[in-house]
Structures are given as structure tokens and as C-alpha cells.
Amino acid sequence: MSPKAFGETEFRLLGPVGLHDGATGTGIVPSGPKQRALLSALVLHADRLLSVDRLTEELWGDRPPTNASNALQAHVARLRRLLPERGGGSRGHEWISTLPTGYLLSLGPATTDVERFQRLSALGRAAVSADPGYAVRLLRHALSLWRGPALQDSRLGPLCVSEADRLEEHRLTALESLYEASLACAQHGQITGELEKLTVDHPLHERFYDLLMVALYRSGRQAEALGVYERARRRLVEALGIEPGPALRARLEAVLNHAPDLSAPSRPHPGGGPATLSEALELGGEVARLQRRIDELTRSQEALVRRYDTMVARLAGGPSVQRVAP
């Protein structure tokens, strides 16, 4: 496999869990929930050791099999057979290393859709105020990576459950930023349908009602904007027994009083951004890969320092000296 082909290998967790093999252009999907949960956990903690105990809890909870370590080893072996060849070792072993206390997946130059989403959404959120048109492009690209709920059919244990919840919060934040940028680009008429659906899918998420009220008001639909507030209030009272928060109440007052700051921008923002979106993505990918390499080297350095201290202590016949890695 060429380095370029391997560099296109991508682990996918934003939806059904699997792997895209850049060399063949094919998808690889583990067949069972435990295999998917194991792959998810290892990828989420790529380049870090996951102990046998933690992986056992992830796959079997508080009811592990009689010989959990052997059962886990068998699952790892099956997962290795699924992974594409990477070079420099037997199939699968160059991806997943067996260590004395657990397992470690080495990501190398491969990517994950989680990493791509986080990078793109961070760039998009940062651009909302200065260049909302560019922010819209970035955020829509980021959100297009989602193919379903995060870690779909793979959330067996606490590690994957908590990570899926965290990723969903990041997705909602990216959606909020997307529609803020869209409103700044005077795209209010294009997003009302999307925001209506979000208020149905997330009936207790007040920010989506807020953004929908602005979009409707700017579309000349003040009465409908007021109706959105009443719908939000009814759902919150019925589900939680609470009234809307201060931000949504302030939006209601602004709509009632035709506040000047509710008016649409006089001119849509052109949305320049970098020369091309692909250039920005390529640069961001290089930064992420460099950071992973720095982290790997730091861990290797720390391990070598510990070994050195142990050897010195044994030669001196005394306790291990304390050193700080430069």
C-alpha cells in the first residue's frame, strides 16, 4: 500500500462504526456490537493504553465472562483480521499493540471522522463573526460527516456512552453556530425549514427556538415567530415544569417591539475565507497529524526517562531519582 493510500484510511464513528480503506475504496464494518464497541473505544483513545479491566467493563459491564482476558484477546484477534494491511508487520498487529496491561491502537497517518469534524467545526465557529459566509461552508462540511448518531449500535459501556453524549453536544453547538452564521449572511429564508425540524427533534433546546424566531421575523412572519415562543414555552412547562430562559424571553420582547437589531443585514457577507476550502482542510490535517506525532514522542521520551532512572537507581543501589523531562 502506498503512503498516500494509507493516508486516506479513515476510522468512522459519526454514525455506524467502521473503517474506510483508502487503498481499495471499500468500507469495513465489524459484524457484532462488541467488535464495534472495541473498535470505538480503541479509536477514541488512539495512541493511549486502554487497560484490560477498562475494556472488559466496556464490553461486558458488571457481568464479565469467566475468563474475561481470554475473551477480550479473542475479540482483539478478530478485529485485527478485519483491519487493512499497514506495512511493517503482520496484518492488524501494526494497528493494535498488545502491552502488559492492555491494548493500544496506533493511528499513525490515518484519520478519524471525529477529528475532521472537530477541526472543521472549530474553524467554522471561529469564523462566524469575521466571515460568516466562510463559516457556513465550513460548518456544513463538518456536519455532513455525520451519518447517524455517534457510535451507532456500539454504545455498550460507559466510555462509549459518555463519548457519544459529548459528540452530540458538539454537534448541537456546531448547528447553533451554522445558523448564527446563516442569519448573518441574510439566509433567513433558506433555514426556517431546517430550524423547524430541529425544534421538533430537540424540543427542549431553547437556542433553536431563538434562532427560528429570528429567521421567521426577518422573513416577514412575525406572528409565526411569536407562535414559536408559545410552542417552546408549552413544551418546557409540560416536560420540565419551567418557563423559557431569559434569552428566549428577551427575544420575545424584541419581536413584539420590532427591535432594530432583529433586522436582516443590509448586504449578505461574501464569505471569502482561504483561497480554497480544500487548502484549509489540508493544512488543518497536517497540524493534527503533527500534534499526534509530538504527543507520541513526548510519551516515548517519558518512558525512556523512567527506564533510565530505574537503571541508575539499580546501579547505585538506592531509590529511583526524580527527573523532569526537558
Protein backbone atom coordinates (compact mmCIF):
# COMPACT_ATOMS: atom_id res chain seq x y z
CA MET A 1 0.00 0.00 0.00
CA SER A 2 1.37 3.41 -0.91
CA PRO A 3 1.77 6.07 1.81
CA LYS A 4 -0.81 8.19 0.03
CA ALA A 5 -3.34 5.35 0.02
CA PHE A 6 -2.77 4.61 3.67
CA GLY A 7 -3.07 8.30 4.48
CA GLU A 8 -6.64 8.16 3.17
CA THR A 9 -7.62 5.44 5.64
CA GLU A 10 -10.29 6.80 7.96
CA PHE A 11 -11.94 5.41 11.06
CA ARG A 12 -15.59 6.43 11.15
CA LEU A 13 -17.50 6.88 14.40
CA LEU A 14 -20.08 9.55 13.47
CA GLY A 15 -22.78 7.05 12.62
CA PRO A 16 -22.36 3.29 12.11
CA VAL A 17 -18.87 2.42 13.34
CA GLY A 18 -16.38 1.21 10.75
CA LEU A 19 -13.35 1.98 8.65
CA HIS A 20 -12.83 3.32 5.13
CA ASP A 21 -9.87 1.60 3.47
CA GLY A 22 -8.18 4.26 1.34
CA ALA A 23 -6.27 1.68 -0.68
CA THR A 24 -9.32 -0.15 -2.01
CA GLY A 25 -12.05 2.43 -1.51
CA THR A 26 -14.09 -0.08 0.47
CA GLY A 27 -15.76 0.14 3.85
CA ILE A 28 -15.05 -2.28 6.69
CA VAL A 29 -17.72 -2.74 9.35
CA PRO A 30 -17.26 -5.03 12.39
CA SER A 31 -20.08 -7.54 12.47
CA GLY A 32 -21.08 -7.59 16.14
CA PRO A 33 -21.78 -4.92 18.78
CA LYS A 34 -18.82 -5.99 20.94
CA GLN A 35 -16.46 -5.75 17.97
CA ARG A 36 -17.82 -2.30 17.16
CA ALA A 37 -17.59 -1.20 20.79
CA LEU A 38 -14.00 -2.45 21.00
CA LEU A 39 -13.00 -0.59 17.83
CA SER A 40 -14.78 2.55 19.04
CA ALA A 41 -13.03 2.52 22.41
CA LEU A 42 -9.59 1.94 20.88
CA VAL A 43 -10.03 4.67 18.25
CA LEU A 44 -11.39 7.17 20.77
CA HIS A 45 -8.27 6.55 22.86
CA ALA A 46 -5.89 6.18 19.91
CA ASP A 47 -2.20 6.17 20.85
CA ARG A 48 -3.11 5.67 24.51
CA LEU A 49 -3.17 2.47 26.51
CA LEU A 50 -6.57 1.04 27.39
CA SER A 51 -6.33 -1.44 30.23
CA VAL A 52 -7.81 -4.93 30.10
CA ASP A 53 -10.05 -4.02 33.05
CA ARG A 54 -11.44 -0.95 31.34
CA LEU A 55 -12.07 -2.73 28.06
CA THR A 56 -13.71 -5.62 29.91
CA GLU A 57 -16.09 -3.20 31.60
CA GLU A 58 -16.79 -1.55 28.26
CA LEU A 59 -17.76 -4.80 26.56
CA TRP A 60 -19.44 -6.75 29.38
CA GLY A 61 -20.25 -4.25 32.11
CA ASP A 62 -20.58 -5.83 35.56
CA ARG A 63 -21.17 -9.32 34.11
CA PRO A 64 -17.85 -10.31 32.50
CA PRO A 65 -17.28 -13.87 31.26
CA THR A 66 -15.36 -16.35 33.41
CA ASN A 67 -12.07 -15.75 31.62
CA ALA A 68 -12.51 -12.14 30.54
CA SER A 69 -8.89 -11.60 29.46
CA ASN A 70 -9.03 -14.54 27.05
CA ALA A 71 -12.41 -13.44 25.70
CA LEU A 72 -11.07 -9.92 25.16
CA GLN A 73 -7.97 -11.31 23.47
CA ALA A 74 -10.19 -13.25 21.07
CA HIS A 75 -12.15 -10.11 20.18
CA VAL A 76 -8.90 -8.21 19.56
CA ALA A 77 -7.65 -11.01 17.30
CA ARG A 78 -10.86 -10.91 15.24
CA LEU A 79 -10.66 -7.13 14.98
CA ARG A 80 -7.06 -7.29 13.80
CA ARG A 81 -8.09 -9.60 10.98
CA LEU A 82 -10.61 -7.01 9.79
CA LEU A 83 -8.14 -4.12 9.59
CA PRO A 84 -6.31 -3.40 6.32
CA GLU A 85 -2.61 -4.06 5.95
CA ARG A 86 -0.46 -1.17 7.01
CA GLY A 87 3.07 -2.42 6.30
CA GLY A 88 5.90 -3.29 8.64
CA GLY A 89 4.16 -6.14 10.44
CA SER A 90 1.58 -8.89 10.27
CA ARG A 91 -1.94 -7.92 9.37
CA GLY A 92 -3.66 -5.98 12.17
CA HIS A 93 -0.75 -6.06 14.62
CA GLU A 94 0.69 -2.82 13.26
CA TRP A 95 -2.60 -1.17 14.24
CA ILE A 96 -3.28 -2.75 17.64
CA SER A 97 -0.40 -3.44 20.02
CA THR A 98 -0.61 -5.84 22.95
CA LEU A 99 1.00 -4.39 26.08
CA PRO A 100 1.46 -5.98 29.52
CA THR A 101 -1.67 -4.37 30.95
CA GLY A 102 -3.85 -3.73 27.92
CA TYR A 103 -4.08 -2.71 24.27
CA LEU A 104 -3.18 0.37 22.24
CA LEU A 105 -4.34 1.37 18.76
CA SER A 106 -1.74 3.40 16.86
CA LEU A 107 -3.46 5.79 14.48
CA GLY A 108 -0.34 6.76 12.53
CA PRO A 109 -1.18 8.83 9.44
CA ALA A 110 -4.76 7.56 9.35
CA THR A 111 -7.59 9.94 10.21
CA THR A 112 -10.92 9.80 12.01
CA ASP A 113 -14.16 11.49 11.07
CA VAL A 114 -14.35 12.71 14.67
CA GLU A 115 -11.06 14.54 14.27
CA ARG A 116 -12.16 16.05 10.95
CA PHE A 117 -15.49 17.17 12.41
CA GLN A 118 -13.88 18.79 15.44
CA ARG A 119 -11.28 20.57 13.32
CA LEU A 120 -13.79 21.88 10.77
CA SER A 121 -16.37 22.93 13.36
CA ALA A 122 -13.73 24.77 15.41
CA LEU A 123 -12.59 26.67 12.32
CA GLY A 124 -16.19 27.43 11.42
CA ARG A 125 -17.16 28.70 14.86
CA ALA A 126 -14.09 30.93 14.93
CA ALA A 127 -15.11 32.49 11.60
CA VAL A 128 -18.77 33.27 12.42
CA SER A 129 -18.24 36.92 13.31
CA ALA A 130 -15.45 37.85 10.91
CA ASP A 131 -16.51 35.82 7.86
CA PRO A 132 -19.93 34.20 8.26
CA GLY A 133 -20.09 33.06 4.65
CA TYR A 134 -16.93 31.03 5.07
CA ALA A 135 -18.19 29.80 8.44
CA VAL A 136 -21.34 28.44 6.77
CA ARG A 137 -19.25 26.47 4.27
CA LEU A 138 -17.01 25.01 6.96
CA LEU A 139 -19.82 24.11 9.33
CA ARG A 140 -21.97 22.48 6.66
CA HIS A 141 -18.95 20.43 5.59
CA ALA A 142 -18.33 19.42 9.22
CA LEU A 143 -21.94 18.41 9.81
CA SER A 144 -22.08 16.43 6.56
CA LEU A 145 -19.64 13.95 8.15
CA TRP A 146 -22.42 12.72 10.44
CA ARG A 147 -24.12 9.62 9.00
CA GLY A 148 -26.29 8.93 12.06
CA PRO A 149 -25.96 9.04 15.86
CA ALA A 150 -22.37 8.92 17.08
CA LEU A 151 -21.14 5.36 17.76
CA GLN A 152 -24.40 3.95 16.43
CA ASP A 153 -25.09 0.40 17.68
CA SER A 154 -21.77 0.45 19.57
CA ARG A 155 -22.57 2.08 22.90
CA LEU A 156 -22.25 -0.84 25.30
CA GLY A 157 -20.20 0.65 28.14
CA PRO A 158 -19.54 3.93 29.97
CA LEU A 159 -16.64 5.04 27.79
CA CYS A 160 -18.58 4.95 24.52
CA VAL A 161 -21.80 6.23 26.10
CA SER A 162 -20.13 9.31 27.57
CA GLU A 163 -18.18 9.98 24.38
CA ALA A 164 -21.32 9.70 22.24
CA ASP A 165 -23.07 12.21 24.51
CA ARG A 166 -20.10 14.57 24.28
CA LEU A 167 -20.01 14.36 20.49
CA GLU A 168 -23.74 15.03 20.27
CA GLU A 169 -23.25 18.19 22.34
CA HIS A 170 -20.53 19.27 19.92
CA ARG A 171 -22.88 18.62 17.00
CA LEU A 172 -25.60 20.79 18.54
CA THR A 173 -23.07 23.57 19.16
CA ALA A 174 -21.96 23.37 15.52
CA LEU A 175 -25.59 23.60 14.41
CA GLU A 176 -26.14 26.70 16.53
CA SER A 177 -23.06 28.34 15.00
CA LEU A 178 -24.14 27.34 11.49
CA TYR A 179 -27.50 29.10 11.81
CA GLU A 180 -25.98 32.14 13.50
CA ALA A 181 -23.66 32.48 10.51
CA SER A 182 -26.52 31.83 8.07
CA LEU A 183 -28.54 34.64 9.63
CA ALA A 184 -25.52 36.95 9.36
CA CYS A 185 -25.47 36.11 5.63
CA ALA A 186 -29.16 37.03 5.25
CA GLN A 187 -30.07 33.40 4.55
CA HIS A 188 -33.09 33.51 6.88
CA GLY A 189 -35.48 32.36 4.17
CA GLN A 190 -33.38 29.27 3.47
CA ILE A 191 -33.09 27.94 7.02
CA THR A 192 -36.57 28.18 8.54
CA GLY A 193 -37.46 24.63 7.50
CA GLU A 194 -34.24 23.21 8.94
CA LEU A 195 -34.76 25.06 12.21
CA GLU A 196 -38.40 23.93 12.42
CA LYS A 197 -37.22 20.32 12.22
CA LEU A 198 -34.58 20.90 14.88
CA THR A 199 -37.18 22.25 17.32
CA VAL A 200 -39.13 19.01 16.79
CA ASP A 201 -36.07 16.78 17.15
CA HIS A 202 -34.78 18.72 20.20
CA PRO A 203 -37.92 20.13 21.85
CA LEU A 204 -36.11 21.32 24.99
CA HIS A 205 -33.19 23.05 23.23
CA GLU A 206 -34.11 26.73 23.59
CA ARG A 207 -31.44 28.12 21.27
CA PHE A 208 -33.06 26.53 18.21
CA TYR A 209 -36.38 28.26 19.01
CA ASP A 210 -34.47 31.53 19.42
CA LEU A 211 -32.80 31.24 16.01
CA LEU A 212 -36.07 30.18 14.36
CA MET A 213 -37.85 33.24 15.76
CA VAL A 214 -35.20 35.50 14.21
CA ALA A 215 -35.38 33.71 10.85
CA LEU A 216 -39.18 33.95 10.74
CA TYR A 217 -39.22 37.60 11.81
CA ARG A 218 -36.73 38.54 9.11
CA SER A 219 -38.90 36.69 6.59
CA GLY A 220 -41.84 38.95 7.48
CA ARG A 221 -43.58 36.29 9.56
CA GLN A 222 -43.86 37.98 12.95
CA ALA A 223 -47.00 36.12 14.03
CA GLU A 224 -45.33 32.77 13.35
CA ALA A 225 -42.26 33.89 15.30
CA LEU A 226 -44.49 34.65 18.29
CA GLY A 227 -46.11 31.24 17.87
CA VAL A 228 -42.69 29.60 18.10
CA TYR A 229 -42.19 31.16 21.53
CA GLU A 230 -45.54 29.84 22.75
CA ARG A 231 -44.70 26.38 21.43
CA ALA A 232 -41.35 26.44 23.23
CA ARG A 233 -42.96 27.61 26.45
CA ARG A 234 -45.61 24.88 26.34
CA ARG A 235 -43.06 22.12 25.76
CA LEU A 236 -40.77 23.35 28.55
CA VAL A 237 -43.61 23.64 31.05
CA GLU A 238 -45.01 20.21 30.17
CA ALA A 239 -41.65 18.42 30.20
CA LEU A 240 -39.72 20.23 32.92
CA GLY A 241 -42.18 22.48 34.71
CA ILE A 242 -40.14 25.60 33.90
CA GLU A 243 -40.61 28.77 31.86
CA PRO A 244 -38.29 29.74 28.99
CA GLY A 245 -34.95 31.23 30.00
CA PRO A 246 -34.01 34.92 29.88
CA ALA A 247 -32.52 34.76 26.37
CA LEU A 248 -35.72 33.43 24.81
CA ARG A 249 -37.88 35.85 26.82
CA ALA A 250 -35.70 38.72 25.60
CA ARG A 251 -36.17 37.51 22.03
CA LEU A 252 -39.94 37.55 22.53
CA GLU A 253 -39.78 41.19 23.65
CA ALA A 254 -37.59 42.08 20.68
CA VAL A 255 -40.05 40.51 18.22
CA LEU A 256 -43.03 42.21 19.87
CA ASN A 257 -41.30 45.61 19.80
CA HIS A 258 -39.70 45.28 16.34
CA ALA A 259 -36.24 45.79 17.81
CA PRO A 260 -33.80 47.29 15.26
CA ASP A 261 -31.17 44.61 15.89
CA LEU A 262 -33.58 41.99 14.54
CA SER A 263 -33.37 43.43 11.04
CA ALA A 264 -31.55 41.39 8.42
CA PRO A 265 -28.05 42.50 7.35
CA SER A 266 -28.18 45.10 4.58
CA ARG A 267 -25.84 43.05 2.41
CA PRO A 268 -25.03 39.34 2.64
CA HIS A 269 -21.44 38.72 3.62
CA PRO A 270 -19.46 37.47 0.61
CA GLY A 271 -17.66 34.75 2.56
CA GLY A 272 -14.12 34.73 1.27
CA GLY A 273 -12.05 32.60 3.59
CA PRO A 274 -8.83 30.96 2.43
CA ALA A 275 -8.12 30.51 -1.27
CA THR A 276 -9.93 27.17 -1.27
CA LEU A 277 -11.68 25.08 1.33
CA SER A 278 -9.51 22.11 0.44
CA GLU A 279 -6.36 24.11 1.25
CA ALA A 280 -7.70 24.93 4.69
CA LEU A 281 -8.66 21.31 5.32
CA GLU A 282 -5.28 20.02 4.16
CA LEU A 283 -3.43 22.45 6.41
CA GLY A 284 -5.63 21.57 9.37
CA GLY A 285 -4.98 17.89 8.78
CA GLU A 286 -1.23 18.41 8.76
CA VAL A 287 -1.45 20.32 12.05
CA ALA A 288 -3.46 17.49 13.65
CA ARG A 289 -1.03 14.82 12.44
CA LEU A 290 1.93 16.85 13.69
CA GLN A 291 0.32 17.22 17.11
CA ARG A 292 -0.26 13.46 17.31
CA ARG A 293 3.40 12.86 16.46
CA ILE A 294 4.51 15.34 19.13
CA ASP A 295 2.31 13.54 21.69
CA GLU A 296 3.80 10.17 20.68
CA LEU A 297 7.36 11.49 21.01
CA THR A 298 6.57 13.01 24.40
CA ARG A 299 5.25 9.68 25.70
CA SER A 300 8.31 7.87 24.31
CA GLN A 301 10.61 10.37 25.97
CA GLU A 302 8.85 9.96 29.32
CA ALA A 303 9.12 6.17 29.07
CA LEU A 304 12.85 6.38 28.30
CA VAL A 305 13.43 8.73 31.22
CA ARG A 306 11.66 6.31 33.57
CA ARG A 307 13.79 3.41 32.28
CA TYR A 308 16.95 5.49 32.69
CA ASP A 309 16.05 6.44 36.26
CA THR A 310 15.36 2.80 37.13
CA MET A 311 18.70 1.68 35.71
CA VAL A 312 20.58 4.44 37.57
CA ALA A 313 18.82 3.54 40.82
CA ARG A 314 19.71 -0.14 40.44
CA LEU A 315 23.35 0.66 39.71
CA ALA A 316 23.53 2.98 42.69
CA GLY A 317 21.65 0.58 44.94
CA GLY A 318 19.30 3.31 46.08
CA PRO A 319 15.81 4.64 45.35
CA SER A 320 14.95 5.93 41.91
CA VAL A 321 15.99 9.53 41.36
CA GLN A 322 13.38 12.03 40.26
CA ARG A 323 13.95 13.69 36.92
CA VAL A 324 11.91 16.08 34.86
CA ALA A 325 11.95 15.53 31.12
CA PRO A 326 13.25 18.57 29.28
